[in-house]
Amino acid sequence: MKKTSRETCLYPAGKDAPEAVVEKDHPGIEFRGRMDTLDAMFILAAAVARKEGEHALARDLIELQRFARGVTGAHASGRPLEPGPLLGRSYGEIHRLSHRPPGGHPDLGEGTSELLAYVNLVRTQARSAERAAVRALDDRDDIVDALNVLSSAVHVLLCSLHAREKGAGA
């Protein structure tokens, strides 16, 4: 099947489903692109965390990256996602923590540390991927739910880091 430079292949879920040639701005391609960017942002933020000596945060970011890759895999394979613990917490616990973080919600701006800025960038990319999933995946509430929890988990990490930095006088 011949395609133009404005088109790409969208491999639907399942091995037996035929690939489709779609415009590069197709919602499914947009979703996969957002997930790819999110993956890269997790790697970058974890590298900065390690450089700053925040090894536990780096491990948490990589755990969330693996979770995000599992979401992408579930989308590509068509298999359902099973809700399980994330960062040692249930989806409900993460949701509650994200609305009432122990250190409060950060007000980022001038004086924000480089690491906090990177984690915030991951948070915004996670929200962007979640919105792309809403647009692209009418029949995959499991993926939308998982991405909602993922973005909340990143927000919890952001709030925790901010509280630690504030407590250290950063």
N, C-alpha and C. Protein backbone atom coordinates (compact mmCIF):
# COMPACT_ATOMS: atom_id res chain seq x y z
N MET A 1 0.85 -1.17 0.00
CA MET A 1 0.00 0.00 0.00
C MET A 1 0.90 1.24 0.00
N LYS A 2 0.78 2.09 -1.01
CA LYS A 2 1.59 3.29 -1.13
C LYS A 2 1.01 4.38 -0.24
N LYS A 3 1.92 5.10 0.43
CA LYS A 3 1.47 6.20 1.27
C LYS A 3 2.30 7.44 0.97
N THR A 4 1.74 8.59 1.28
CA THR A 4 2.43 9.86 1.08
C THR A 4 3.20 10.21 2.35
N SER A 5 3.98 11.29 2.29
CA SER A 5 4.72 11.72 3.48
C SER A 5 3.79 12.31 4.54
N ARG A 6 2.54 12.55 4.20
CA ARG A 6 1.55 13.02 5.17
C ARG A 6 0.84 11.87 5.86
N GLU A 7 1.15 10.66 5.47
CA GLU A 7 0.48 9.48 5.99
C GLU A 7 1.46 8.57 6.72
N THR A 8 0.89 7.72 7.55
CA THR A 8 1.68 6.72 8.26
C THR A 8 0.80 5.50 8.48
N CYS A 9 1.42 4.44 8.93
CA CYS A 9 0.66 3.20 9.19
C CYS A 9 0.20 3.19 10.64
N LEU A 10 -1.04 2.87 10.82
CA LEU A 10 -1.60 2.68 12.15
C LEU A 10 -1.86 1.20 12.29
N TYR A 11 -1.09 0.57 13.16
CA TYR A 11 -1.24 -0.86 13.38
C TYR A 11 -2.29 -1.05 14.45
N PRO A 12 -3.46 -1.53 14.09
CA PRO A 12 -4.53 -1.70 15.07
C PRO A 12 -4.24 -2.85 16.03
N ALA A 13 -5.02 -2.90 17.08
CA ALA A 13 -4.87 -3.94 18.09
C ALA A 13 -5.08 -5.32 17.49
N GLY A 14 -4.27 -6.24 17.93
CA GLY A 14 -4.40 -7.63 17.49
C GLY A 14 -3.52 -7.95 16.30
N LYS A 15 -2.95 -9.12 16.31
CA LYS A 15 -2.01 -9.53 15.27
C LYS A 15 -2.68 -9.74 13.92
N ASP A 16 -3.94 -10.12 13.92
CA ASP A 16 -4.62 -10.46 12.67
C ASP A 16 -5.28 -9.26 12.00
N ALA A 17 -5.33 -8.14 12.69
CA ALA A 17 -5.98 -6.96 12.12
C ALA A 17 -5.06 -6.32 11.09
N PRO A 18 -5.60 -5.91 9.97
CA PRO A 18 -4.76 -5.29 8.94
C PRO A 18 -4.36 -3.87 9.36
N GLU A 19 -3.17 -3.47 8.92
CA GLU A 19 -2.74 -2.10 9.20
C GLU A 19 -3.55 -1.15 8.33
N ALA A 20 -3.63 0.07 8.77
CA ALA A 20 -4.36 1.09 8.02
C ALA A 20 -3.41 2.25 7.74
N VAL A 21 -3.51 2.82 6.57
CA VAL A 21 -2.77 4.03 6.26
C VAL A 21 -3.67 5.20 6.63
N VAL A 22 -3.16 6.06 7.51
CA VAL A 22 -3.94 7.19 8.00
C VAL A 22 -3.10 8.46 7.93
N GLU A 23 -3.77 9.60 7.99
CA GLU A 23 -3.07 10.88 8.06
C GLU A 23 -2.30 10.93 9.38
N LYS A 24 -1.18 11.64 9.38
CA LYS A 24 -0.34 11.70 10.58
C LYS A 24 -1.00 12.45 11.74
N ASP A 25 -2.08 13.16 11.46
CA ASP A 25 -2.80 13.82 12.56
C ASP A 25 -4.02 13.02 13.02
N HIS A 26 -4.09 11.76 12.63
CA HIS A 26 -5.15 10.85 13.08
C HIS A 26 -5.08 10.76 14.61
N PRO A 27 -6.22 10.74 15.31
CA PRO A 27 -6.20 10.69 16.77
C PRO A 27 -5.39 9.53 17.35
N GLY A 28 -5.42 8.36 16.70
CA GLY A 28 -4.64 7.23 17.20
C GLY A 28 -3.14 7.47 17.10
N ILE A 29 -2.71 8.13 16.03
CA ILE A 29 -1.30 8.47 15.86
C ILE A 29 -0.91 9.56 16.85
N GLU A 30 -1.79 10.54 17.04
CA GLU A 30 -1.54 11.58 18.04
C GLU A 30 -1.35 10.96 19.42
N PHE A 31 -2.22 10.02 19.77
CA PHE A 31 -2.11 9.36 21.08
C PHE A 31 -0.77 8.66 21.21
N ARG A 32 -0.40 7.87 20.22
CA ARG A 32 0.87 7.14 20.31
C ARG A 32 2.06 8.10 20.36
N GLY A 33 1.97 9.21 19.65
CA GLY A 33 3.03 10.21 19.70
C GLY A 33 3.15 10.84 21.08
N ARG A 34 2.01 11.12 21.70
CA ARG A 34 2.03 11.69 23.06
C ARG A 34 2.63 10.70 24.06
N MET A 35 2.31 9.42 23.88
CA MET A 35 2.87 8.40 24.77
C MET A 35 4.38 8.28 24.55
N ASP A 36 4.84 8.40 23.32
CA ASP A 36 6.27 8.35 23.02
C ASP A 36 6.99 9.53 23.68
N THR A 37 6.41 10.71 23.58
CA THR A 37 7.00 11.89 24.22
C THR A 37 7.01 11.73 25.73
N LEU A 38 5.93 11.20 26.29
CA LEU A 38 5.87 10.97 27.73
C LEU A 38 6.97 10.02 28.16
N ASP A 39 7.20 8.96 27.40
CA ASP A 39 8.26 8.01 27.71
C ASP A 39 9.61 8.73 27.77
N ALA A 40 9.89 9.56 26.77
CA ALA A 40 11.15 10.30 26.74
C ALA A 40 11.27 11.26 27.92
N MET A 41 10.16 11.88 28.31
CA MET A 41 10.19 12.82 29.44
C MET A 41 10.47 12.10 30.76
N PHE A 42 9.91 10.90 30.92
CA PHE A 42 10.22 10.12 32.12
C PHE A 42 11.71 9.82 32.19
N ILE A 43 12.30 9.42 31.07
CA ILE A 43 13.73 9.11 31.03
C ILE A 43 14.55 10.34 31.40
N LEU A 44 14.22 11.48 30.82
CA LEU A 44 14.95 12.72 31.09
C LEU A 44 14.83 13.13 32.56
N ALA A 45 13.62 13.13 33.09
CA ALA A 45 13.42 13.53 34.48
C ALA A 45 14.12 12.58 35.44
N ALA A 46 14.10 11.28 35.15
CA ALA A 46 14.79 10.31 36.01
C ALA A 46 16.29 10.54 35.97
N ALA A 47 16.83 10.88 34.81
CA ALA A 47 18.27 11.15 34.70
C ALA A 47 18.65 12.37 35.53
N VAL A 48 17.83 13.41 35.47
CA VAL A 48 18.10 14.62 36.27
C VAL A 48 17.96 14.29 37.75
N ALA A 49 16.97 13.50 38.12
CA ALA A 49 16.80 13.11 39.52
C ALA A 49 18.03 12.36 40.04
N ARG A 50 18.54 11.42 39.24
CA ARG A 50 19.75 10.69 39.65
C ARG A 50 20.93 11.65 39.81
N LYS A 51 21.07 12.58 38.86
CA LYS A 51 22.16 13.56 38.91
C LYS A 51 22.07 14.40 40.18
N GLU A 52 20.86 14.69 40.62
CA GLU A 52 20.64 15.52 41.81
C GLU A 52 20.66 14.70 43.10
N GLY A 53 20.91 13.39 43.00
CA GLY A 53 20.94 12.54 44.18
C GLY A 53 19.57 12.10 44.68
N GLU A 54 18.55 12.33 43.89
CA GLU A 54 17.17 11.94 44.24
C GLU A 54 16.90 10.54 43.67
N HIS A 55 17.60 9.55 44.20
CA HIS A 55 17.54 8.20 43.64
C HIS A 55 16.16 7.55 43.82
N ALA A 56 15.50 7.80 44.94
CA ALA A 56 14.16 7.23 45.13
C ALA A 56 13.17 7.84 44.13
N LEU A 57 13.29 9.13 43.88
CA LEU A 57 12.43 9.78 42.89
C LEU A 57 12.71 9.21 41.51
N ALA A 58 13.99 9.01 41.19
CA ALA A 58 14.34 8.42 39.88
C ALA A 58 13.71 7.05 39.73
N ARG A 59 13.76 6.24 40.78
CA ARG A 59 13.13 4.90 40.73
C ARG A 59 11.62 5.01 40.53
N ASP A 60 11.00 5.95 41.23
CA ASP A 60 9.55 6.14 41.08
C ASP A 60 9.20 6.57 39.65
N LEU A 61 9.99 7.47 39.09
CA LEU A 61 9.74 7.92 37.72
C LEU A 61 9.88 6.76 36.73
N ILE A 62 10.87 5.91 36.93
CA ILE A 62 11.05 4.76 36.04
C ILE A 62 9.90 3.76 36.23
N GLU A 63 9.41 3.60 37.46
CA GLU A 63 8.23 2.74 37.67
C GLU A 63 7.04 3.28 36.89
N LEU A 64 6.85 4.59 36.93
CA LEU A 64 5.74 5.19 36.18
C LEU A 64 5.97 5.08 34.68
N GLN A 65 7.22 5.18 34.25
CA GLN A 65 7.53 5.00 32.83
C GLN A 65 7.15 3.59 32.38
N ARG A 66 7.49 2.60 33.18
CA ARG A 66 7.15 1.21 32.83
C ARG A 66 5.63 1.04 32.77
N PHE A 67 4.94 1.66 33.70
CA PHE A 67 3.48 1.62 33.69
C PHE A 67 2.94 2.22 32.39
N ALA A 68 3.49 3.38 32.00
CA ALA A 68 3.06 4.03 30.76
C ALA A 68 3.34 3.15 29.55
N ARG A 69 4.48 2.48 29.56
CA ARG A 69 4.78 1.56 28.45
C ARG A 69 3.79 0.40 28.43
N GLY A 70 3.34 -0.03 29.61
CA GLY A 70 2.32 -1.07 29.67
C GLY A 70 0.99 -0.60 29.09
N VAL A 71 0.69 0.68 29.30
CA VAL A 71 -0.53 1.26 28.72
C VAL A 71 -0.42 1.24 27.19
N THR A 72 0.73 1.67 26.69
CA THR A 72 0.95 1.66 25.24
C THR A 72 0.85 0.24 24.69
N GLY A 73 1.44 -0.71 25.40
CA GLY A 73 1.38 -2.11 24.98
C GLY A 73 -0.04 -2.65 24.96
N ALA A 74 -0.83 -2.26 25.97
CA ALA A 74 -2.23 -2.71 26.02
C ALA A 74 -3.01 -2.12 24.84
N HIS A 75 -2.71 -0.90 24.50
CA HIS A 75 -3.38 -0.29 23.35
C HIS A 75 -2.99 -1.00 22.06
N ALA A 76 -1.71 -1.27 21.88
CA ALA A 76 -1.24 -1.90 20.65
C ALA A 76 -1.74 -3.34 20.51
N SER A 77 -1.84 -4.05 21.63
CA SER A 77 -2.22 -5.46 21.58
C SER A 77 -3.73 -5.68 21.69
N GLY A 78 -4.43 -4.67 22.19
CA GLY A 78 -5.86 -4.82 22.40
C GLY A 78 -6.22 -5.49 23.71
N ARG A 79 -5.22 -5.85 24.51
CA ARG A 79 -5.52 -6.52 25.78
C ARG A 79 -5.97 -5.49 26.82
N PRO A 80 -6.86 -5.90 27.72
CA PRO A 80 -7.33 -4.97 28.75
C PRO A 80 -6.26 -4.72 29.81
N LEU A 81 -6.32 -3.57 30.41
CA LEU A 81 -5.43 -3.22 31.52
C LEU A 81 -6.09 -3.61 32.83
N GLU A 82 -5.34 -4.22 33.68
CA GLU A 82 -5.84 -4.57 35.01
C GLU A 82 -5.33 -3.53 36.00
N PRO A 83 -6.23 -2.85 36.72
CA PRO A 83 -5.75 -1.88 37.70
C PRO A 83 -4.97 -2.58 38.80
N GLY A 84 -3.81 -2.10 39.07
CA GLY A 84 -2.99 -2.66 40.13
C GLY A 84 -2.31 -1.53 40.86
N PRO A 85 -1.53 -1.85 41.85
CA PRO A 85 -0.88 -0.78 42.61
C PRO A 85 0.13 -0.02 41.74
N LEU A 86 0.26 1.23 42.05
CA LEU A 86 1.21 2.10 41.38
C LEU A 86 1.91 2.89 42.48
N LEU A 87 3.22 2.83 42.50
CA LEU A 87 4.00 3.44 43.58
C LEU A 87 3.55 2.90 44.94
N GLY A 88 3.14 1.63 44.96
CA GLY A 88 2.72 0.99 46.20
C GLY A 88 1.35 1.42 46.69
N ARG A 89 0.59 2.12 45.84
CA ARG A 89 -0.72 2.62 46.25
C ARG A 89 -1.79 2.20 45.25
N SER A 90 -3.02 2.13 45.73
CA SER A 90 -4.15 1.84 44.84
C SER A 90 -4.48 3.09 44.03
N TYR A 91 -5.26 2.88 42.97
CA TYR A 91 -5.71 4.02 42.15
C TYR A 91 -6.43 5.05 43.03
N GLY A 92 -7.29 4.56 43.92
CA GLY A 92 -8.05 5.46 44.79
C GLY A 92 -7.16 6.28 45.71
N GLU A 93 -6.14 5.64 46.27
CA GLU A 93 -5.22 6.36 47.16
C GLU A 93 -4.47 7.45 46.39
N ILE A 94 -4.02 7.12 45.19
CA ILE A 94 -3.31 8.11 44.38
C ILE A 94 -4.23 9.28 44.07
N HIS A 95 -5.45 8.97 43.69
CA HIS A 95 -6.42 10.03 43.37
C HIS A 95 -6.62 10.96 44.58
N ARG A 96 -6.83 10.37 45.76
CA ARG A 96 -7.03 11.18 46.97
C ARG A 96 -5.79 12.03 47.27
N LEU A 97 -4.62 11.41 47.19
CA LEU A 97 -3.38 12.15 47.47
C LEU A 97 -3.17 13.31 46.49
N SER A 98 -3.56 13.10 45.25
CA SER A 98 -3.35 14.15 44.25
C SER A 98 -4.23 15.37 44.51
N HIS A 99 -5.37 15.16 45.17
CA HIS A 99 -6.26 16.28 45.47
C HIS A 99 -5.91 16.96 46.79
N ARG A 100 -5.28 16.21 47.68
CA ARG A 100 -4.89 16.76 48.98
C ARG A 100 -3.47 16.31 49.32
N PRO A 101 -2.48 16.81 48.56
CA PRO A 101 -1.10 16.38 48.83
C PRO A 101 -0.62 16.90 50.18
N PRO A 102 0.14 16.08 50.92
CA PRO A 102 0.59 16.47 52.26
C PRO A 102 1.30 17.83 52.32
N GLY A 103 2.08 18.16 51.31
CA GLY A 103 2.80 19.44 51.32
C GLY A 103 2.05 20.56 50.62
N GLY A 104 0.84 20.29 50.19
CA GLY A 104 0.07 21.28 49.45
C GLY A 104 0.42 21.27 47.97
N HIS A 105 -0.30 22.05 47.21
CA HIS A 105 -0.07 22.15 45.76
C HIS A 105 1.01 23.21 45.52
N PRO A 106 2.02 22.88 44.73
CA PRO A 106 3.10 23.85 44.50
C PRO A 106 2.66 24.98 43.59
N ASP A 107 3.22 26.15 43.85
CA ASP A 107 3.04 27.31 42.99
C ASP A 107 4.40 27.56 42.35
N LEU A 108 4.59 26.98 41.17
CA LEU A 108 5.91 27.02 40.54
C LEU A 108 6.09 28.33 39.78
N GLY A 109 7.31 28.75 39.70
CA GLY A 109 7.64 29.99 39.00
C GLY A 109 9.11 30.28 39.18
N GLU A 110 9.43 31.55 39.35
CA GLU A 110 10.82 31.94 39.56
C GLU A 110 11.37 31.22 40.79
N GLY A 111 12.54 30.70 40.68
CA GLY A 111 13.15 29.98 41.79
C GLY A 111 12.85 28.49 41.80
N THR A 112 12.06 28.01 40.85
CA THR A 112 11.77 26.58 40.75
C THR A 112 13.05 25.84 40.38
N SER A 113 13.33 24.76 41.07
CA SER A 113 14.54 23.99 40.77
C SER A 113 14.42 23.32 39.41
N GLU A 114 15.56 22.99 38.84
CA GLU A 114 15.58 22.31 37.55
C GLU A 114 14.83 20.98 37.63
N LEU A 115 15.07 20.22 38.69
CA LEU A 115 14.41 18.92 38.84
C LEU A 115 12.90 19.08 38.96
N LEU A 116 12.46 20.04 39.75
CA LEU A 116 11.02 20.28 39.89
C LEU A 116 10.41 20.67 38.55
N ALA A 117 11.13 21.47 37.78
CA ALA A 117 10.64 21.87 36.46
C ALA A 117 10.51 20.66 35.54
N TYR A 118 11.47 19.74 35.59
CA TYR A 118 11.39 18.54 34.75
C TYR A 118 10.23 17.63 35.17
N VAL A 119 10.05 17.45 36.46
CA VAL A 119 8.93 16.62 36.92
C VAL A 119 7.60 17.28 36.54
N ASN A 120 7.53 18.59 36.61
CA ASN A 120 6.32 19.29 36.19
C ASN A 120 6.08 19.10 34.69
N LEU A 121 7.14 19.09 33.91
CA LEU A 121 7.01 18.84 32.48
C LEU A 121 6.46 17.43 32.21
N VAL A 122 6.92 16.46 32.99
CA VAL A 122 6.38 15.10 32.87
C VAL A 122 4.89 15.11 33.20
N ARG A 123 4.52 15.84 34.25
CA ARG A 123 3.11 15.93 34.65
C ARG A 123 2.26 16.50 33.52
N THR A 124 2.73 17.57 32.89
CA THR A 124 1.94 18.17 31.82
C THR A 124 1.85 17.24 30.61
N GLN A 125 2.93 16.50 30.34
CA GLN A 125 2.90 15.56 29.22
C GLN A 125 1.97 14.39 29.52
N ALA A 126 1.92 13.96 30.78
CA ALA A 126 1.00 12.88 31.15
C ALA A 126 -0.45 13.34 30.96
N ARG A 127 -0.75 14.57 31.33
CA ARG A 127 -2.11 15.10 31.12
C ARG A 127 -2.42 15.20 29.62
N SER A 128 -1.43 15.60 28.85
CA SER A 128 -1.62 15.70 27.40
C SER A 128 -1.90 14.33 26.78
N ALA A 129 -1.17 13.31 27.23
CA ALA A 129 -1.41 11.95 26.74
C ALA A 129 -2.80 11.47 27.15
N GLU A 130 -3.21 11.82 28.35
CA GLU A 130 -4.54 11.45 28.82
C GLU A 130 -5.63 12.08 27.94
N ARG A 131 -5.47 13.36 27.62
CA ARG A 131 -6.45 14.03 26.75
C ARG A 131 -6.45 13.43 25.35
N ALA A 132 -5.26 13.06 24.84
CA ALA A 132 -5.18 12.41 23.52
C ALA A 132 -5.91 11.07 23.54
N ALA A 133 -5.80 10.35 24.66
CA ALA A 133 -6.50 9.06 24.78
C ALA A 133 -8.01 9.27 24.77
N VAL A 134 -8.47 10.31 25.44
CA VAL A 134 -9.91 10.61 25.45
C VAL A 134 -10.41 10.85 24.03
N ARG A 135 -9.62 11.58 23.23
CA ARG A 135 -10.02 11.87 21.84
C ARG A 135 -9.95 10.64 20.95
N ALA A 136 -8.98 9.76 21.19
CA ALA A 136 -8.71 8.66 20.26
C ALA A 136 -9.37 7.33 20.62
N LEU A 137 -9.64 7.11 21.89
CA LEU A 137 -9.99 5.76 22.34
C LEU A 137 -11.38 5.73 22.98
N ASP A 138 -12.40 5.83 22.17
CA ASP A 138 -13.77 5.80 22.68
C ASP A 138 -14.10 4.53 23.44
N ASP A 139 -13.47 3.43 23.05
CA ASP A 139 -13.83 2.12 23.61
C ASP A 139 -12.81 1.61 24.62
N ARG A 140 -11.92 2.47 25.11
CA ARG A 140 -10.87 2.01 26.02
C ARG A 140 -10.84 2.84 27.30
N ASP A 141 -11.93 2.75 28.08
CA ASP A 141 -11.97 3.46 29.35
C ASP A 141 -10.86 2.99 30.29
N ASP A 142 -10.42 1.73 30.15
CA ASP A 142 -9.34 1.23 31.00
C ASP A 142 -8.07 2.04 30.77
N ILE A 143 -7.79 2.40 29.53
CA ILE A 143 -6.59 3.18 29.21
C ILE A 143 -6.75 4.61 29.70
N VAL A 144 -7.91 5.20 29.48
CA VAL A 144 -8.15 6.56 29.95
C VAL A 144 -8.03 6.61 31.47
N ASP A 145 -8.62 5.64 32.16
CA ASP A 145 -8.53 5.58 33.63
C ASP A 145 -7.08 5.44 34.08
N ALA A 146 -6.33 4.56 33.42
CA ALA A 146 -4.93 4.35 33.78
C ALA A 146 -4.11 5.62 33.59
N LEU A 147 -4.36 6.35 32.52
CA LEU A 147 -3.62 7.58 32.28
C LEU A 147 -4.03 8.68 33.25
N ASN A 148 -5.28 8.67 33.68
CA ASN A 148 -5.72 9.61 34.70
C ASN A 148 -4.96 9.37 36.00
N VAL A 149 -4.83 8.11 36.37
CA VAL A 149 -4.10 7.76 37.59
C VAL A 149 -2.61 8.06 37.41
N LEU A 150 -2.08 7.78 36.24
CA LEU A 150 -0.66 8.06 35.98
C LEU A 150 -0.37 9.55 36.14
N SER A 151 -1.19 10.40 35.55
CA SER A 151 -0.93 11.83 35.68
C SER A 151 -1.10 12.28 37.13
N SER A 152 -2.03 11.69 37.85
CA SER A 152 -2.18 11.99 39.27
C SER A 152 -0.96 11.54 40.06
N ALA A 153 -0.41 10.39 39.71
CA ALA A 153 0.78 9.88 40.40
C ALA A 153 1.97 10.82 40.18
N VAL A 154 2.12 11.33 38.97
CA VAL A 154 3.20 12.29 38.71
C VAL A 154 2.97 13.56 39.52
N HIS A 155 1.72 13.99 39.62
CA HIS A 155 1.40 15.17 40.43
C HIS A 155 1.78 14.94 41.90
N VAL A 156 1.51 13.75 42.40
CA VAL A 156 1.88 13.42 43.79
C VAL A 156 3.39 13.50 43.96
N LEU A 157 4.15 12.95 43.00
CA LEU A 157 5.62 13.04 43.06
C LEU A 157 6.07 14.50 43.04
N LEU A 158 5.45 15.30 42.19
CA LEU A 158 5.78 16.72 42.09
C LEU A 158 5.55 17.42 43.43
N CYS A 159 4.40 17.18 44.03
CA CYS A 159 4.07 17.81 45.31
C CYS A 159 5.02 17.36 46.41
N SER A 160 5.38 16.08 46.42
CA SER A 160 6.31 15.56 47.43
C SER A 160 7.68 16.19 47.28
N LEU A 161 8.16 16.27 46.05
CA LEU A 161 9.47 16.89 45.80
C LEU A 161 9.44 18.36 46.21
N HIS A 162 8.39 19.06 45.87
CA HIS A 162 8.27 20.47 46.23
C HIS A 162 8.29 20.63 47.75
N ALA A 163 7.57 19.78 48.46
CA ALA A 163 7.55 19.85 49.92
C ALA A 163 8.94 19.60 50.50
N ARG A 164 9.66 18.63 49.94
CA ARG A 164 11.03 18.35 50.41
C ARG A 164 11.94 19.55 50.16
N GLU A 165 11.84 20.11 48.97
CA GLU A 165 12.69 21.26 48.65
C GLU A 165 12.36 22.46 49.53
N LYS A 166 11.07 22.68 49.76
CA LYS A 166 10.63 23.79 50.60
C LYS A 166 11.14 23.60 52.03
N GLY A 167 11.07 22.35 52.50
CA GLY A 167 11.53 22.03 53.84
C GLY A 167 13.03 22.17 54.00
N ALA A 168 13.76 21.99 52.89
CA ALA A 168 15.22 22.10 52.92
C ALA A 168 15.66 23.54 52.66
N GLY A 169 14.69 24.42 52.46
CA GLY A 169 15.03 25.82 52.22
C GLY A 169 15.45 26.11 50.79
N ALA A 170 15.05 25.22 49.87
CA ALA A 170 15.43 25.42 48.47
C ALA A 170 14.55 26.44 47.80
